[in-house]
Amino acid sequence: MKLLDLTKATGLATSVALLSACGGGTTGPDGPAYETLNATTQTDLDVVAVTLDGGSHTAGTATGTYDGSTNVLNIGATSIALDTTTFSGSYDYVSLLDSTGDNAIVVIQTDVADLPTGSVSFTGEATVNVVVASGPSAGTYAGKMDASIIADFANSASGVDVTFNNITDATVLAGLSPSIVYIANGSEVIAFNDLSLSGAGFASVVGSSATIDGFGSAVSTIDTTGSSLSVAGVFAGDQADEVAGTAALNGATGSALVTFVGD
């Protein structure tokens, strides 16, 4: 659920924030009309794809169109169906994609003029893949985590923080052994902080930071010093009612790939 901090919103912006906090997703008479992915009848609705390249560990975005008659994203010469089963939440403007390629999420992007002005909190879910390169916790951990996204639209330089915890439905692959069920120890956390807002999206910049901790052992830590970090996110729907993003970190002691949504 999206929550708004009204201490930074005044006047008309406060009224708008109050409407969103009570449910959002309804467009006012002066705002743009937003189609929803599950209800649109348009066959060429302009959308944004959030991408994640596991080989190069880079996150990004690309433009495409969405066909509401077939429920597929068309991007270039590629058509990709939606994945409506991995995440349990109900989202109107974002969806995972049923694809093993780089395109991870389809988004009906918020118009820049329709963005909130204060601080907005989103909760959601994520798929994660974490590699601990060495030590007693070495292995590849894959599962789902709870997502918390905070966006301060009054602070564009470092206005977004994203945190993931409570891993579930997880497996671990260690060495040449088969994957086994991973029993969470409760300390698993991934965090990307001080991401930069730009238009109706956000990304990692110089000064952004990452934390990956607790996988395998409550005291295990991936040293992110000197690691490459790439995060891309897009706000979706009426007054940034929803959010979606991808993230990749790659370093000497470990790596991570994350795909997340929230509302």
C-alpha atoms as a PDB file:
ATOM      1  CA  MET A   1       0.000   0.000   0.000  1.00  0.00           C
ATOM      2  CA  LYS A   2       1.256   3.468  -0.867  1.00  0.00           C
ATOM      3  CA  LEU A   3       1.505   5.957   2.005  1.00  0.00           C
ATOM      4  CA  LEU A   4       2.194   9.667   1.727  1.00  0.00           C
ATOM      5  CA  ASP A   5       4.058  11.923   4.118  1.00  0.00           C
ATOM      6  CA  LEU A   6       1.942  15.072   4.010  1.00  0.00           C
ATOM      7  CA  THR A   7       4.441  17.209   5.918  1.00  0.00           C
ATOM      8  CA  LYS A   8       6.077  18.174   2.625  1.00  0.00           C
ATOM      9  CA  ALA A   9       2.902  18.760   0.639  1.00  0.00           C
ATOM     10  CA  THR A  10       0.783  21.871   0.896  1.00  0.00           C
ATOM     11  CA  GLY A  11      -2.267  23.421  -0.734  1.00  0.00           C
ATOM     12  CA  LEU A  12      -3.538  21.558  -3.765  1.00  0.00           C
ATOM     13  CA  ALA A  13      -0.708  19.039  -3.469  1.00  0.00           C
ATOM     14  CA  THR A  14      -1.947  18.068  -0.021  1.00  0.00           C
ATOM     15  CA  SER A  15      -5.450  17.443  -1.349  1.00  0.00           C
ATOM     16  CA  VAL A  16      -4.049  15.285  -4.123  1.00  0.00           C
ATOM     17  CA  ALA A  17      -1.918  13.320  -1.645  1.00  0.00           C
ATOM     18  CA  LEU A  18      -4.910  12.669   0.573  1.00  0.00           C
ATOM     19  CA  LEU A  19      -6.841  11.222  -2.351  1.00  0.00           C
ATOM     20  CA  SER A  20      -3.952   8.934  -3.239  1.00  0.00           C
ATOM     21  CA  ALA A  21      -3.491   7.813   0.348  1.00  0.00           C
ATOM     22  CA  CYS A  22      -7.112   6.682   0.380  1.00  0.00           C
ATOM     23  CA  GLY A  23      -6.565   4.332  -2.523  1.00  0.00           C
ATOM     24  CA  GLY A  24      -5.199   6.241  -5.497  1.00  0.00           C
ATOM     25  CA  GLY A  25      -5.618   5.057  -9.040  1.00  0.00           C
ATOM     26  CA  THR A  26      -8.528   7.369  -9.894  1.00  0.00           C
ATOM     27  CA  THR A  27      -7.738  10.185 -12.277  1.00  0.00           C
ATOM     28  CA  GLY A  28      -9.060  13.630 -11.467  1.00  0.00           C
ATOM     29  CA  PRO A  29     -10.728  15.849 -14.065  1.00  0.00           C
ATOM     30  CA  ASP A  30      -7.558  17.860 -14.626  1.00  0.00           C
ATOM     31  CA  GLY A  31      -5.166  14.908 -14.812  1.00  0.00           C
ATOM     32  CA  PRO A  32      -4.276  12.573 -17.679  1.00  0.00           C
ATOM     33  CA  ALA A  33      -6.428   9.492 -18.255  1.00  0.00           C
ATOM     34  CA  TYR A  34      -4.551   6.307 -17.421  1.00  0.00           C
ATOM     35  CA  GLU A  35      -5.415   2.991 -18.976  1.00  0.00           C
ATOM     36  CA  THR A  36      -4.861  -0.132 -16.881  1.00  0.00           C
ATOM     37  CA  LEU A  37      -3.087  -3.192 -18.204  1.00  0.00           C
ATOM     38  CA  ASN A  38      -5.925  -5.574 -17.463  1.00  0.00           C
ATOM     39  CA  ALA A  39      -8.727  -3.395 -18.833  1.00  0.00           C
ATOM     40  CA  THR A  40      -7.345  -1.447 -21.775  1.00  0.00           C
ATOM     41  CA  THR A  41      -8.738  -2.146 -25.217  1.00  0.00           C
ATOM     42  CA  GLN A  42      -5.972  -0.214 -26.944  1.00  0.00           C
ATOM     43  CA  THR A  43      -3.729  -2.244 -29.189  1.00  0.00           C
ATOM     44  CA  ASP A  44      -0.801   0.209 -29.239  1.00  0.00           C
ATOM     45  CA  LEU A  45      -0.691   1.806 -25.783  1.00  0.00           C
ATOM     46  CA  ASP A  46       2.633   3.542 -25.159  1.00  0.00           C
ATOM     47  CA  VAL A  47       4.478   1.873 -22.258  1.00  0.00           C
ATOM     48  CA  VAL A  48       7.939   1.567 -20.738  1.00  0.00           C
ATOM     49  CA  ALA A  49       9.772  -1.721 -20.269  1.00  0.00           C
ATOM     50  CA  VAL A  50      12.126  -1.935 -17.306  1.00  0.00           C
ATOM     51  CA  THR A  51      15.068  -4.096 -18.303  1.00  0.00           C
ATOM     52  CA  LEU A  52      17.609  -6.259 -16.489  1.00  0.00           C
ATOM     53  CA  ASP A  53      20.644  -7.756 -18.231  1.00  0.00           C
ATOM     54  CA  GLY A  54      22.023 -10.543 -16.057  1.00  0.00           C
ATOM     55  CA  GLY A  55      25.128 -10.942 -18.190  1.00  0.00           C
ATOM     56  CA  SER A  56      26.345  -7.360 -17.963  1.00  0.00           C
ATOM     57  CA  HIS A  57      24.614  -6.663 -14.614  1.00  0.00           C
ATOM     58  CA  THR A  58      22.851  -3.553 -15.902  1.00  0.00           C
ATOM     59  CA  ALA A  59      19.348  -2.195 -15.345  1.00  0.00           C
ATOM     60  CA  GLY A  60      17.605   0.168 -17.727  1.00  0.00           C
ATOM     61  CA  THR A  61      14.449   1.114 -19.584  1.00  0.00           C
ATOM     62  CA  ALA A  62      13.126   0.875 -23.119  1.00  0.00           C
ATOM     63  CA  THR A  63       9.998   2.146 -24.844  1.00  0.00           C
ATOM     64  CA  GLY A  64       7.387  -0.123 -26.353  1.00  0.00           C
ATOM     65  CA  THR A  65       3.667  -0.580 -26.902  1.00  0.00           C
ATOM     66  CA  TYR A  66       1.134  -2.756 -25.126  1.00  0.00           C
ATOM     67  CA  ASP A  67      -1.614  -4.646 -26.944  1.00  0.00           C
ATOM     68  CA  GLY A  68      -4.656  -4.922 -24.681  1.00  0.00           C
ATOM     69  CA  SER A  69      -6.362  -7.374 -27.021  1.00  0.00           C
ATOM     70  CA  THR A  70      -3.618  -9.975 -26.644  1.00  0.00           C
ATOM     71  CA  ASN A  71      -2.049  -8.830 -23.338  1.00  0.00           C
ATOM     72  CA  VAL A  72       1.468  -8.633 -24.712  1.00  0.00           C
ATOM     73  CA  LEU A  73       4.272  -6.094 -24.743  1.00  0.00           C
ATOM     74  CA  ASN A  74       5.605  -5.281 -28.196  1.00  0.00           C
ATOM     75  CA  ILE A  75       9.145  -3.959 -28.140  1.00  0.00           C
ATOM     76  CA  GLY A  76      11.022  -3.832 -31.399  1.00  0.00           C
ATOM     77  CA  ALA A  77      10.223  -7.061 -33.219  1.00  0.00           C
ATOM     78  CA  THR A  78       9.627  -8.951 -29.969  1.00  0.00           C
ATOM     79  CA  SER A  79       6.255  -9.732 -28.371  1.00  0.00           C
ATOM     80  CA  ILE A  80       6.214 -10.787 -24.706  1.00  0.00           C
ATOM     81  CA  ALA A  81       3.244 -12.008 -22.660  1.00  0.00           C
ATOM     82  CA  LEU A  82       2.589 -10.917 -19.088  1.00  0.00           C
ATOM     83  CA  ASP A  83       3.576 -12.985 -16.060  1.00  0.00           C
ATOM     84  CA  THR A  84       0.522 -12.829 -13.803  1.00  0.00           C
ATOM     85  CA  THR A  85       1.463 -15.615 -11.376  1.00  0.00           C
ATOM     86  CA  THR A  86       4.862 -14.850  -9.788  1.00  0.00           C
ATOM     87  CA  PHE A  87       3.748 -11.878  -7.697  1.00  0.00           C
ATOM     88  CA  SER A  88       0.740 -12.222  -5.407  1.00  0.00           C
ATOM     89  CA  GLY A  89      -0.289  -8.555  -5.314  1.00  0.00           C
ATOM     90  CA  SER A  90      -2.845  -6.847  -7.532  1.00  0.00           C
ATOM     91  CA  TYR A  91      -1.341  -4.124  -9.729  1.00  0.00           C
ATOM     92  CA  ASP A  92      -3.058  -1.976 -12.347  1.00  0.00           C
ATOM     93  CA  TYR A  93      -0.168  -0.262 -14.105  1.00  0.00           C
ATOM     94  CA  VAL A  94       2.791  -2.651 -13.790  1.00  0.00           C
ATOM     95  CA  SER A  95       3.338  -6.332 -14.537  1.00  0.00           C
ATOM     96  CA  LEU A  96       6.168  -8.800 -14.706  1.00  0.00           C
ATOM     97  CA  LEU A  97       6.860 -10.197 -18.145  1.00  0.00           C
ATOM     98  CA  ASP A  98       6.916 -13.888 -19.048  1.00  0.00           C
ATOM     99  CA  SER A  99      10.343 -13.736 -20.598  1.00  0.00           C
ATOM    100  CA  THR A 100      13.873 -15.000 -20.098  1.00  0.00           C
ATOM    101  CA  GLY A 101      15.252 -11.979 -21.978  1.00  0.00           C
ATOM    102  CA  ASP A 102      16.304  -8.594 -20.669  1.00  0.00           C
ATOM    103  CA  ASN A 103      12.796  -7.081 -20.543  1.00  0.00           C
ATOM    104  CA  ALA A 104      11.540  -7.684 -17.002  1.00  0.00           C
ATOM    105  CA  ILE A 105       8.518  -5.428 -16.318  1.00  0.00           C
ATOM    106  CA  VAL A 106       5.987  -3.464 -18.367  1.00  0.00           C
ATOM    107  CA  VAL A 107       4.872  -0.086 -16.971  1.00  0.00           C
ATOM    108  CA  ILE A 108       2.222   2.505 -17.828  1.00  0.00           C
ATOM    109  CA  GLN A 109       4.397   5.445 -16.852  1.00  0.00           C
ATOM    110  CA  THR A 110       3.168   8.396 -14.797  1.00  0.00           C
ATOM    111  CA  ASP A 111       3.094  11.740 -16.580  1.00  0.00           C
ATOM    112  CA  VAL A 112       5.761  14.014 -15.094  1.00  0.00           C
ATOM    113  CA  ALA A 113       3.209  16.760 -14.401  1.00  0.00           C
ATOM    114  CA  ASP A 114       1.148  14.237 -12.417  1.00  0.00           C
ATOM    115  CA  LEU A 115       3.883  13.269  -9.923  1.00  0.00           C
ATOM    116  CA  PRO A 116       3.412  13.897  -6.178  1.00  0.00           C
ATOM    117  CA  THR A 117       5.387  16.659  -4.485  1.00  0.00           C
ATOM    118  CA  GLY A 118       6.154  15.113  -1.094  1.00  0.00           C
ATOM    119  CA  SER A 119       7.456  11.826   0.244  1.00  0.00           C
ATOM    120  CA  VAL A 120       5.669   8.639  -0.815  1.00  0.00           C
ATOM    121  CA  SER A 121       6.120   5.125   0.592  1.00  0.00           C
ATOM    122  CA  PHE A 122       5.328   1.983  -1.384  1.00  0.00           C
ATOM    123  CA  THR A 123       5.218  -1.651  -0.291  1.00  0.00           C
ATOM    124  CA  GLY A 124       5.451  -4.577  -2.657  1.00  0.00           C
ATOM    125  CA  GLU A 125       7.421  -7.637  -3.603  1.00  0.00           C
ATOM    126  CA  ALA A 126      10.560  -8.676  -5.428  1.00  0.00           C
ATOM    127  CA  THR A 127      12.323 -11.592  -7.030  1.00  0.00           C
ATOM    128  CA  VAL A 128      15.986 -11.821  -6.055  1.00  0.00           C
ATOM    129  CA  ASN A 129      19.056 -13.761  -7.062  1.00  0.00           C
ATOM    130  CA  VAL A 130      22.073 -13.299  -4.779  1.00  0.00           C
ATOM    131  CA  VAL A 131      25.494 -14.864  -5.293  1.00  0.00           C
ATOM    132  CA  VAL A 132      27.876 -15.073  -2.331  1.00  0.00           C
ATOM    133  CA  ALA A 133      31.208 -15.729  -4.008  1.00  0.00           C
ATOM    134  CA  SER A 134      33.219 -17.352  -1.227  1.00  0.00           C
ATOM    135  CA  GLY A 135      33.315 -18.364   2.414  1.00  0.00           C
ATOM    136  CA  PRO A 136      31.064 -20.698   4.413  1.00  0.00           C
ATOM    137  CA  SER A 137      27.926 -19.086   2.949  1.00  0.00           C
ATOM    138  CA  ALA A 138      29.089 -19.345  -0.678  1.00  0.00           C
ATOM    139  CA  GLY A 139      26.266 -20.130  -3.057  1.00  0.00           C
ATOM    140  CA  THR A 140      23.448 -18.749  -5.167  1.00  0.00           C
ATOM    141  CA  TYR A 141      20.307 -17.757  -3.282  1.00  0.00           C
ATOM    142  CA  ALA A 142      17.052 -17.241  -5.183  1.00  0.00           C
ATOM    143  CA  GLY A 143      13.612 -16.361  -3.883  1.00  0.00           C
ATOM    144  CA  LYS A 144      11.045 -13.664  -3.198  1.00  0.00           C
ATOM    145  CA  MET A 145      11.372 -10.783  -0.753  1.00  0.00           C
ATOM    146  CA  ASP A 146       9.166  -8.013   0.603  1.00  0.00           C
ATOM    147  CA  ALA A 147       9.910  -4.631  -0.967  1.00  0.00           C
ATOM    148  CA  SER A 148       9.814  -1.189   0.611  1.00  0.00           C
ATOM    149  CA  ILE A 149      10.343   1.862  -1.601  1.00  0.00           C
ATOM    150  CA  ILE A 150      10.490   5.437  -0.302  1.00  0.00           C
ATOM    151  CA  ALA A 151      10.521   8.278  -2.829  1.00  0.00           C
ATOM    152  CA  ASP A 152      11.019  11.879  -1.721  1.00  0.00           C
ATOM    153  CA  PHE A 153       9.970  13.930  -4.726  1.00  0.00           C
ATOM    154  CA  ALA A 154      11.300  17.084  -3.058  1.00  0.00           C
ATOM    155  CA  ASN A 155      14.843  15.674  -3.109  1.00  0.00           C
ATOM    156  CA  SER A 156      15.740  14.655  -6.647  1.00  0.00           C
ATOM    157  CA  ALA A 157      19.456  14.081  -6.068  1.00  0.00           C
ATOM    158  CA  SER A 158      19.081  11.233  -3.559  1.00  0.00           C
ATOM    159  CA  GLY A 159      15.347  10.890  -3.192  1.00  0.00           C
ATOM    160  CA  VAL A 160      14.763   7.137  -3.455  1.00  0.00           C
ATOM    161  CA  ASP A 161      15.659   4.298  -1.081  1.00  0.00           C
ATOM    162  CA  VAL A 162      14.705   0.669  -1.745  1.00  0.00           C
ATOM    163  CA  THR A 163      14.899  -2.143   0.827  1.00  0.00           C
ATOM    164  CA  PHE A 164      14.137  -5.858   0.585  1.00  0.00           C
ATOM    165  CA  ASN A 165      13.784  -8.358   3.437  1.00  0.00           C
ATOM    166  CA  ASN A 166      11.881 -11.485   4.578  1.00  0.00           C
ATOM    167  CA  ILE A 167      12.999 -13.944   1.912  1.00  0.00           C
ATOM    168  CA  THR A 168      10.498 -16.722   1.082  1.00  0.00           C
ATOM    169  CA  ASP A 169      10.069 -19.488  -1.516  1.00  0.00           C
ATOM    170  CA  ALA A 170      13.851 -19.627  -1.598  1.00  0.00           C
ATOM    171  CA  THR A 171      16.461 -22.076  -2.819  1.00  0.00           C
ATOM    172  CA  VAL A 172      20.238 -22.210  -2.513  1.00  0.00           C
ATOM    173  CA  LEU A 173      22.718 -23.725  -4.950  1.00  0.00           C
ATOM    174  CA  ALA A 174      26.148 -24.387  -3.461  1.00  0.00           C
ATOM    175  CA  GLY A 175      28.992 -25.598  -5.652  1.00  0.00           C
ATOM    176  CA  LEU A 176      28.093 -28.601  -7.765  1.00  0.00           C
ATOM    177  CA  SER A 177      25.333 -29.743  -5.407  1.00  0.00           C
ATOM    178  CA  PRO A 178      21.681 -29.655  -6.540  1.00  0.00           C
ATOM    179  CA  SER A 179      19.545 -26.709  -5.434  1.00  0.00           C
ATOM    180  CA  ILE A 180      17.903 -27.237  -2.062  1.00  0.00           C
ATOM    181  CA  VAL A 181      15.268 -25.363  -0.090  1.00  0.00           C
ATOM    182  CA  TYR A 182      16.839 -22.408   1.683  1.00  0.00           C
ATOM    183  CA  ILE A 183      15.789 -21.927   5.294  1.00  0.00           C
ATOM    184  CA  ALA A 184      15.821 -18.197   6.019  1.00  0.00           C
ATOM    185  CA  ASN A 185      17.634 -17.003   9.130  1.00  0.00           C
ATOM    186  CA  GLY A 186      15.667 -13.732   9.281  1.00  0.00           C
ATOM    187  CA  SER A 187      18.609 -11.409   8.729  1.00  0.00           C
ATOM    188  CA  GLU A 188      18.620 -11.389   4.917  1.00  0.00           C
ATOM    189  CA  VAL A 189      18.487  -7.848   3.565  1.00  0.00           C
ATOM    190  CA  ILE A 190      19.193  -6.010   0.321  1.00  0.00           C
ATOM    191  CA  ALA A 191      19.146  -2.207   0.193  1.00  0.00           C
ATOM    192  CA  PHE A 192      19.869   0.399  -2.469  1.00  0.00           C
ATOM    193  CA  ASN A 193      20.045   3.946  -1.140  1.00  0.00           C
ATOM    194  CA  ASP A 194      20.370   7.503  -2.428  1.00  0.00           C
ATOM    195  CA  LEU A 195      19.018   6.795  -5.893  1.00  0.00           C
ATOM    196  CA  SER A 196      18.425   9.836  -8.064  1.00  0.00           C
ATOM    197  CA  LEU A 197      15.003  10.967  -9.279  1.00  0.00           C
ATOM    198  CA  SER A 198      14.696  12.083 -12.889  1.00  0.00           C
ATOM    199  CA  GLY A 199      11.338  12.769 -14.500  1.00  0.00           C
ATOM    200  CA  ALA A 200       8.990   9.899 -13.721  1.00  0.00           C
ATOM    201  CA  GLY A 201      11.815   7.514 -12.906  1.00  0.00           C
ATOM    202  CA  PHE A 202      14.924   6.980 -10.831  1.00  0.00           C
ATOM    203  CA  ALA A 203      18.350   5.421 -11.205  1.00  0.00           C
ATOM    204  CA  SER A 204      21.609   4.768  -9.436  1.00  0.00           C
ATOM    205  CA  VAL A 205      24.220   7.510  -9.663  1.00  0.00           C
ATOM    206  CA  VAL A 206      27.632   8.284  -8.213  1.00  0.00           C
ATOM    207  CA  GLY A 207      26.957   8.397  -4.491  1.00  0.00           C
ATOM    208  CA  SER A 208      24.293   5.680  -4.480  1.00  0.00           C
ATOM    209  CA  SER A 209      25.056   2.793  -2.135  1.00  0.00           C
ATOM    210  CA  ALA A 210      24.186  -0.878  -1.712  1.00  0.00           C
ATOM    211  CA  THR A 211      23.950  -3.347   1.160  1.00  0.00           C
ATOM    212  CA  ILE A 212      23.595  -7.123   0.835  1.00  0.00           C
ATOM    213  CA  ASP A 213      23.709  -9.028   4.088  1.00  0.00           C
ATOM    214  CA  GLY A 214      22.629 -12.152   5.934  1.00  0.00           C
ATOM    215  CA  PHE A 215      22.370 -14.702   3.122  1.00  0.00           C
ATOM    216  CA  GLY A 216      23.426 -18.108   4.386  1.00  0.00           C
ATOM    217  CA  SER A 217      24.490 -16.798   7.758  1.00  0.00           C
ATOM    218  CA  ALA A 218      23.308 -13.983   9.965  1.00  0.00           C
ATOM    219  CA  VAL A 219      26.877 -12.639   9.994  1.00  0.00           C
ATOM    220  CA  SER A 220      27.685 -13.060   6.292  1.00  0.00           C
ATOM    221  CA  THR A 221      28.122  -9.881   4.297  1.00  0.00           C
ATOM    222  CA  ILE A 222      28.915  -9.170   0.662  1.00  0.00           C
ATOM    223  CA  ASP A 223      31.492  -6.407   0.579  1.00  0.00           C
ATOM    224  CA  THR A 224      30.021  -3.951  -1.936  1.00  0.00           C
ATOM    225  CA  THR A 225      33.081  -1.680  -1.910  1.00  0.00           C
ATOM    226  CA  GLY A 226      34.151  -1.112  -5.499  1.00  0.00           C
ATOM    227  CA  SER A 227      31.178  -3.027  -6.881  1.00  0.00           C
ATOM    228  CA  SER A 228      29.229  -1.824  -9.888  1.00  0.00           C
ATOM    229  CA  LEU A 229      25.639  -0.830  -9.115  1.00  0.00           C
ATOM    230  CA  SER A 230      22.881  -0.331 -11.667  1.00  0.00           C
ATOM    231  CA  VAL A 231      19.288   0.483 -10.672  1.00  0.00           C
ATOM    232  CA  ALA A 232      16.391   1.621 -12.872  1.00  0.00           C
ATOM    233  CA  GLY A 233      12.878   2.425 -11.685  1.00  0.00           C
ATOM    234  CA  VAL A 234       9.694   3.909 -13.133  1.00  0.00           C
ATOM    235  CA  PHE A 235       6.592   5.348 -11.443  1.00  0.00           C
ATOM    236  CA  ALA A 236       3.308   4.137 -12.837  1.00  0.00           C
ATOM    237  CA  GLY A 237      -0.286   5.291 -13.135  1.00  0.00           C
ATOM    238  CA  ASP A 238      -2.187   8.156 -11.570  1.00  0.00           C
ATOM    239  CA  GLN A 239      -0.014  10.291  -9.255  1.00  0.00           C
ATOM    240  CA  ALA A 240       2.671   7.577  -9.069  1.00  0.00           C
ATOM    241  CA  ASP A 241       0.175   5.070  -7.712  1.00  0.00           C
ATOM    242  CA  GLU A 242       2.606   2.204  -8.371  1.00  0.00           C
ATOM    243  CA  VAL A 243       6.319   1.703  -8.974  1.00  0.00           C
ATOM    244  CA  ALA A 244       8.502  -0.886 -10.675  1.00  0.00           C
ATOM    245  CA  GLY A 245      12.226  -1.376 -11.019  1.00  0.00           C
ATOM    246  CA  THR A 246      15.230  -3.588 -11.518  1.00  0.00           C
ATOM    247  CA  ALA A 247      18.646  -3.605  -9.903  1.00  0.00           C
ATOM    248  CA  ALA A 248      21.978  -5.299 -10.452  1.00  0.00           C
ATOM    249  CA  LEU A 249      25.130  -5.317  -8.367  1.00  0.00           C
ATOM    250  CA  ASN A 250      28.382  -7.021  -9.338  1.00  0.00           C
ATOM    251  CA  GLY A 251      31.535  -7.158  -7.260  1.00  0.00           C
ATOM    252  CA  ALA A 252      34.478  -9.274  -6.226  1.00  0.00           C
ATOM    253  CA  THR A 253      32.724 -10.910  -3.279  1.00  0.00           C
ATOM    254  CA  GLY A 254      29.240 -11.327  -4.702  1.00  0.00           C
ATOM    255  CA  SER A 255      26.450 -10.122  -6.931  1.00  0.00           C
ATOM    256  CA  ALA A 256      22.690  -9.607  -6.994  1.00  0.00           C
ATOM    257  CA  LEU A 257      19.849  -9.286  -9.496  1.00  0.00           C
ATOM    258  CA  VAL A 258      16.515  -7.870  -8.301  1.00  0.00           C
ATOM    259  CA  THR A 259      13.160  -7.188  -9.954  1.00  0.00           C
ATOM    260  CA  PHE A 260      10.551  -5.369  -7.876  1.00  0.00           C
ATOM    261  CA  VAL A 261       7.124  -3.731  -7.877  1.00  0.00           C
ATOM    262  CA  GLY A 262       5.127  -1.797  -5.301  1.00  0.00           C
ATOM    263  CA  ASP A 263       1.976   0.223  -4.689  1.00  0.00           C
END
